[in-house]
Amino acid sequence: MTFIPAGSTALSPWTLLITPESAGWTYAGLRLLCLSGESVEFTTGDEEMLVLPLSGSCAVECEGVRLTLHGRTSVFQAVSDFAYLPVGATARITGTGRFAFPAARASRSFPVRYGPAREVPVEVRGAGQASRQVNNFCAPDAFDCDKLVAVEVLTPGGNWSSYPPHKHDTASEREAVLEEIYYFEGGPGYQRVYGTHDTLAEVSGGDVVLVPHGYHGPSMAAPGYDLYYLNVLAGPAPTRSMAFCDDPRHAWVRSSWAEQAVDPRLPMTKALR
């Protein structure tokens, strides 16, 4: 199943729980935690993880390190700070809000770290109605870890992102093999996956789309409704990469952007600290 409706994988204390096993693949996972001032303790096991506030703020305790995440009121309000949790660690999260835990099965151990919001590279990609914002907080060239890659994408109402459609399922000099998770906020919008899997799903807050292989895109934000998604990616390559191959039927679209203006609504958010 590539489309996972909001709430359908809840397992206390997690309001969303996707493991490599439940997804039917090997590396990528995602959890979501909703807190109202209490603490939750858990172990990372064989996964490296990030703590990413979607709304609210929290304290993170792990491996003798205590970090404060200032967070944000919503994903449409600001770029957030985040924390990195290594494999084989016990962590305690205390706070109020909703927190995402992008994860990847990993073998190398890195230290617990704080990722300041002001150091997150914010990219405006595309042009015209394919304009969107990408917060590359855990892109390969922005943050160092073993297998995990994670970015946020904000698409203004009426625009398309994850476009042209592309894939990450063949190892080559131009493409990396990656499992990919889309977690959505806002909307409604639509997400397309095709090739070996065929999905066209209406998505909104809390919904998830899995991409084990095949082409994915576009992500379409309905007019009047901004769309956010958190992308979690991981794969077998020893070096982290987001390399992709466009669907050759639609690759020409990129060349058209040089003649179009970027949507003036972008960037939609920035770091507040």
Protein backbone atom coordinates (compact mmCIF):
# COMPACT_ATOMS: atom_id res chain seq x y z
CA MET A 1 0.00 0.00 0.00
CA THR A 2 1.49 3.33 -1.01
CA PHE A 3 -1.18 5.63 0.49
CA ILE A 4 -1.47 5.63 4.31
CA PRO A 5 -4.39 7.70 5.70
CA ALA A 6 -3.84 9.87 8.77
CA GLY A 7 -4.16 7.92 12.03
CA SER A 8 -4.15 4.47 10.47
CA THR A 9 -0.72 3.43 11.84
CA ALA A 10 -0.99 4.89 15.36
CA LEU A 11 0.60 2.73 18.09
CA SER A 12 1.04 4.34 21.51
CA PRO A 13 2.88 6.58 22.15
CA TRP A 14 3.26 7.27 18.41
CA THR A 15 0.42 8.86 16.43
CA LEU A 16 2.21 7.72 13.25
CA LEU A 17 4.56 4.75 13.09
CA ILE A 18 6.20 3.65 9.86
CA THR A 19 9.11 1.24 10.18
CA PRO A 20 11.12 -0.34 7.37
CA GLU A 21 9.27 -3.59 8.11
CA SER A 22 5.78 -2.07 7.98
CA ALA A 23 6.68 -0.23 4.76
CA GLY A 24 7.94 -3.44 3.18
CA TRP A 25 11.45 -2.16 2.52
CA THR A 26 14.85 -1.92 4.23
CA TYR A 27 15.90 1.55 5.38
CA ALA A 28 13.47 4.48 5.74
CA GLY A 29 11.05 5.12 8.61
CA LEU A 30 9.03 7.89 10.22
CA ARG A 31 7.33 8.43 13.58
CA LEU A 32 5.11 11.21 14.91
CA LEU A 33 4.62 12.16 18.56
CA CYS A 34 2.00 14.50 20.04
CA LEU A 35 2.79 15.86 23.51
CA SER A 36 0.91 18.04 26.02
CA GLY A 37 3.73 18.70 28.47
CA GLU A 38 4.55 15.09 29.32
CA SER A 39 7.72 13.09 28.61
CA VAL A 40 8.17 10.07 26.37
CA GLU A 41 11.25 7.84 26.54
CA PHE A 42 12.25 5.43 23.75
CA THR A 43 15.26 3.74 22.19
CA THR A 44 16.47 4.32 18.65
CA GLY A 45 17.59 0.71 18.13
CA ASP A 46 19.27 0.25 14.76
CA GLU A 47 17.92 3.55 13.36
CA GLU A 48 19.42 7.03 13.36
CA MET A 49 16.71 9.66 13.88
CA LEU A 50 15.97 13.35 13.83
CA VAL A 51 13.64 15.21 16.18
CA LEU A 52 11.82 17.82 14.06
CA PRO A 53 9.16 20.06 15.62
CA LEU A 54 6.14 20.42 13.34
CA SER A 55 4.47 22.63 15.95
CA GLY A 56 5.53 23.54 19.47
CA SER A 57 8.84 23.11 21.28
CA CYS A 58 10.54 20.45 23.35
CA ALA A 59 13.55 19.37 25.38
CA VAL A 60 15.59 16.43 24.11
CA GLU A 61 17.75 14.30 26.43
CA CYS A 62 20.00 11.67 24.86
CA GLU A 63 23.39 10.14 25.72
CA GLY A 64 23.90 12.64 28.54
CA VAL A 65 23.21 15.61 26.25
CA ARG A 66 20.26 17.97 26.83
CA LEU A 67 19.03 20.13 23.95
CA THR A 68 16.21 22.65 23.70
CA LEU A 69 14.32 22.81 20.40
CA HIS A 70 12.58 26.17 20.03
CA GLY A 71 10.43 24.82 17.18
CA ARG A 72 7.63 26.83 15.57
CA THR A 73 3.87 27.32 15.75
CA SER A 74 3.36 25.44 12.47
CA VAL A 75 5.25 24.25 9.40
CA PHE A 76 3.84 27.26 7.53
CA GLN A 77 5.17 29.76 10.11
CA ALA A 78 8.94 29.21 10.20
CA VAL A 79 11.91 26.98 9.48
CA SER A 80 12.60 24.88 12.60
CA ASP A 81 15.66 23.78 14.48
CA PHE A 82 16.09 20.03 15.01
CA ALA A 83 18.12 17.38 16.83
CA TYR A 84 20.01 14.27 15.70
CA LEU A 85 19.78 10.99 17.66
CA PRO A 86 22.27 8.16 16.97
CA VAL A 87 21.71 4.43 16.69
CA GLY A 88 21.59 2.44 19.92
CA ALA A 89 20.58 5.38 22.09
CA THR A 90 17.90 6.07 24.70
CA ALA A 91 16.14 9.41 24.29
CA ARG A 92 13.59 11.36 26.32
CA ILE A 93 11.39 14.04 24.72
CA THR A 94 9.48 16.51 26.92
CA GLY A 95 7.35 19.24 25.42
CA THR A 96 4.12 20.49 23.97
CA GLY A 97 3.29 20.11 20.28
CA ARG A 98 3.72 17.69 17.41
CA PHE A 99 7.12 16.24 16.57
CA ALA A 100 8.31 14.19 13.59
CA PHE A 101 11.07 11.60 13.83
CA PRO A 102 12.51 10.87 10.36
CA ALA A 103 14.59 7.70 10.62
CA ALA A 104 16.86 5.38 8.69
CA ARG A 105 18.41 2.03 9.49
CA ALA A 106 22.11 2.79 9.92
CA SER A 107 25.37 1.15 10.94
CA ARG A 108 27.63 4.11 11.79
CA SER A 109 27.19 6.05 15.02
CA PHE A 110 27.33 9.85 15.08
CA PRO A 111 27.10 12.10 18.17
CA VAL A 112 23.91 13.73 19.40
CA ARG A 113 23.75 17.14 17.71
CA TYR A 114 21.70 20.30 17.50
CA GLY A 115 20.72 21.71 14.09
CA PRO A 116 20.05 25.47 14.32
CA ALA A 117 17.22 26.81 12.16
CA ARG A 118 19.43 29.64 10.89
CA GLU A 119 21.82 27.08 9.35
CA VAL A 120 19.11 25.26 7.36
CA PRO A 121 19.64 25.96 3.63
CA VAL A 122 16.38 27.33 2.18
CA GLU A 123 16.06 26.86 -1.58
CA VAL A 124 13.42 28.21 -3.95
CA ARG A 125 13.15 25.69 -6.76
CA GLY A 126 11.41 25.78 -10.13
CA ALA A 127 9.47 28.71 -11.61
CA GLY A 128 5.93 29.76 -12.48
CA GLN A 129 3.35 27.30 -11.18
CA ALA A 130 6.13 24.81 -10.48
CA SER A 131 7.70 27.16 -7.89
CA ARG A 132 8.20 25.72 -4.42
CA GLN A 133 10.39 26.06 -1.32
CA VAL A 134 12.76 23.33 -0.13
CA ASN A 135 14.22 23.39 3.39
CA ASN A 136 17.31 21.19 3.05
CA PHE A 137 17.85 20.61 6.77
CA CYS A 138 19.19 17.06 6.39
CA ALA A 139 20.25 17.04 2.75
CA PRO A 140 23.58 15.28 2.06
CA ASP A 141 25.55 18.52 1.69
CA ALA A 142 23.87 20.24 4.67
CA PHE A 143 24.06 17.74 7.55
CA ASP A 144 26.29 14.72 8.12
CA CYS A 145 24.96 11.31 9.16
CA ASP A 146 25.04 7.71 7.91
CA LYS A 147 21.97 6.91 5.75
CA LEU A 148 19.23 9.42 6.51
CA VAL A 149 18.18 12.19 4.14
CA ALA A 150 15.26 14.51 4.98
CA VAL A 151 13.95 17.77 3.52
CA GLU A 152 10.78 19.85 3.80
CA VAL A 153 8.87 21.16 0.79
CA LEU A 154 6.29 23.97 0.87
CA THR A 155 4.08 24.37 -2.19
CA PRO A 156 1.88 27.49 -2.48
CA GLY A 157 -1.77 26.92 -3.31
CA GLY A 158 -2.29 26.16 -7.01
CA ASN A 159 1.33 25.13 -7.62
CA TRP A 160 2.95 21.80 -8.39
CA SER A 161 6.10 20.41 -6.78
CA SER A 162 8.02 17.14 -7.03
CA TYR A 163 7.92 18.05 -10.70
CA PRO A 164 8.89 16.99 -13.33
CA PRO A 165 8.11 13.45 -12.12
CA HIS A 166 11.29 11.59 -11.26
CA LYS A 167 12.54 8.37 -9.72
CA HIS A 168 15.32 7.02 -7.49
CA ASP A 169 15.34 3.27 -8.11
CA THR A 170 18.34 2.45 -10.33
CA ALA A 171 21.96 2.74 -9.25
CA SER A 172 23.97 4.74 -11.78
CA GLU A 173 26.20 7.80 -12.02
CA ARG A 174 23.06 9.95 -12.35
CA GLU A 175 20.65 8.18 -10.01
CA ALA A 176 20.66 6.80 -6.47
CA VAL A 177 18.48 3.98 -5.13
CA LEU A 178 16.26 5.47 -2.41
CA GLU A 179 13.14 4.54 -0.48
CA GLU A 180 11.03 7.67 0.03
CA ILE A 181 8.29 8.79 2.41
CA TYR A 182 6.02 11.80 1.87
CA TYR A 183 4.33 13.08 5.06
CA PHE A 184 1.78 15.87 4.44
CA GLU A 185 0.47 18.90 6.33
CA GLY A 186 -2.04 21.47 5.08
CA GLY A 187 -3.82 20.80 1.84
CA PRO A 188 -5.93 19.33 0.42
CA GLY A 189 -3.69 18.37 -2.45
CA TYR A 190 -2.85 15.36 -4.59
CA GLN A 191 0.16 13.07 -4.91
CA ARG A 192 0.95 10.93 -7.95
CA VAL A 193 3.12 7.77 -8.01
CA TYR A 194 3.34 5.64 -11.15
CA GLY A 195 5.42 3.06 -12.94
CA THR A 196 5.61 -0.08 -10.84
CA HIS A 197 3.05 1.35 -8.39
CA ASP A 198 0.07 3.45 -9.52
CA THR A 199 -1.35 5.92 -7.00
CA LEU A 200 -3.21 9.20 -7.30
CA ALA A 201 -4.28 10.13 -3.78
CA GLU A 202 -5.95 13.16 -2.26
CA VAL A 203 -3.72 14.15 0.67
CA SER A 204 -4.02 16.50 3.64
CA GLY A 205 -2.67 16.82 7.17
CA GLY A 206 -1.30 13.55 8.58
CA ASP A 207 -1.50 11.50 5.37
CA VAL A 208 1.52 9.59 4.08
CA VAL A 209 2.51 8.31 0.66
CA LEU A 210 5.27 5.68 0.31
CA VAL A 211 7.47 5.50 -2.79
CA PRO A 212 9.38 2.19 -2.91
CA HIS A 213 10.27 2.70 -6.59
CA GLY A 214 8.88 4.17 -9.78
CA TYR A 215 8.19 7.76 -10.77
CA HIS A 216 6.68 10.15 -8.23
CA GLY A 217 5.18 13.56 -8.85
CA PRO A 218 3.63 15.87 -9.17
CA SER A 219 2.54 16.92 -5.71
CA MET A 220 -0.35 19.29 -6.40
CA ALA A 221 -1.56 21.96 -3.97
CA ALA A 222 -5.23 22.79 -4.55
CA PRO A 223 -5.86 26.48 -5.32
CA GLY A 224 -6.32 28.36 -2.04
CA TYR A 225 -4.56 25.67 0.03
CA ASP A 226 -0.83 25.59 0.73
CA LEU A 227 0.70 22.11 0.93
CA TYR A 228 3.65 20.94 3.05
CA TYR A 229 5.43 17.63 2.92
CA LEU A 230 8.33 16.12 4.80
CA ASN A 231 10.42 13.84 2.58
CA VAL A 232 12.35 11.04 4.29
CA LEU A 233 14.77 9.13 2.07
CA ALA A 234 17.32 6.37 2.64
CA GLY A 235 19.04 3.71 0.58
CA PRO A 236 21.90 1.22 0.32
CA ALA A 237 24.63 3.43 -1.19
CA PRO A 238 27.64 4.08 1.09
CA THR A 239 27.48 7.79 0.21
CA ARG A 240 24.25 9.73 0.77
CA SER A 241 22.77 11.18 -2.40
CA MET A 242 19.46 12.53 -3.70
CA ALA A 243 20.34 11.86 -7.35
CA PHE A 244 17.30 11.23 -9.53
CA CYS A 245 16.19 10.60 -13.09
CA ASP A 246 13.34 12.61 -14.62
CA ASP A 247 10.57 10.92 -16.54
CA PRO A 248 11.93 11.55 -20.07
CA ARG A 249 8.45 12.48 -21.32
CA HIS A 250 8.40 15.50 -19.01
CA ALA A 251 12.08 16.42 -18.56
CA TRP A 252 11.74 19.29 -21.06
CA VAL A 253 9.72 21.23 -18.49
CA ARG A 254 12.89 22.24 -16.64
CA SER A 255 14.14 24.21 -19.63
CA SER A 256 10.92 26.26 -19.66
CA TRP A 257 11.63 27.72 -16.22
CA ALA A 258 14.26 30.12 -17.57
CA GLU A 259 11.45 32.11 -19.23
CA GLN A 260 9.18 32.20 -16.16
CA ALA A 261 9.27 34.25 -12.96
CA VAL A 262 9.43 32.57 -9.56
CA ASP A 263 6.16 32.72 -7.63
CA PRO A 264 6.35 35.92 -5.53
CA ARG A 265 4.79 34.10 -2.54
CA LEU A 266 8.14 32.35 -2.09
CA PRO A 267 9.95 31.84 0.15
CA MET A 268 6.99 31.17 2.43
CA THR A 269 9.02 30.74 5.64
CA LYS A 270 12.42 31.52 7.12
CA ALA A 271 14.33 30.92 10.36
CA LEU A 272 13.18 33.13 13.24
CA ARG A 273 16.35 32.58 15.32
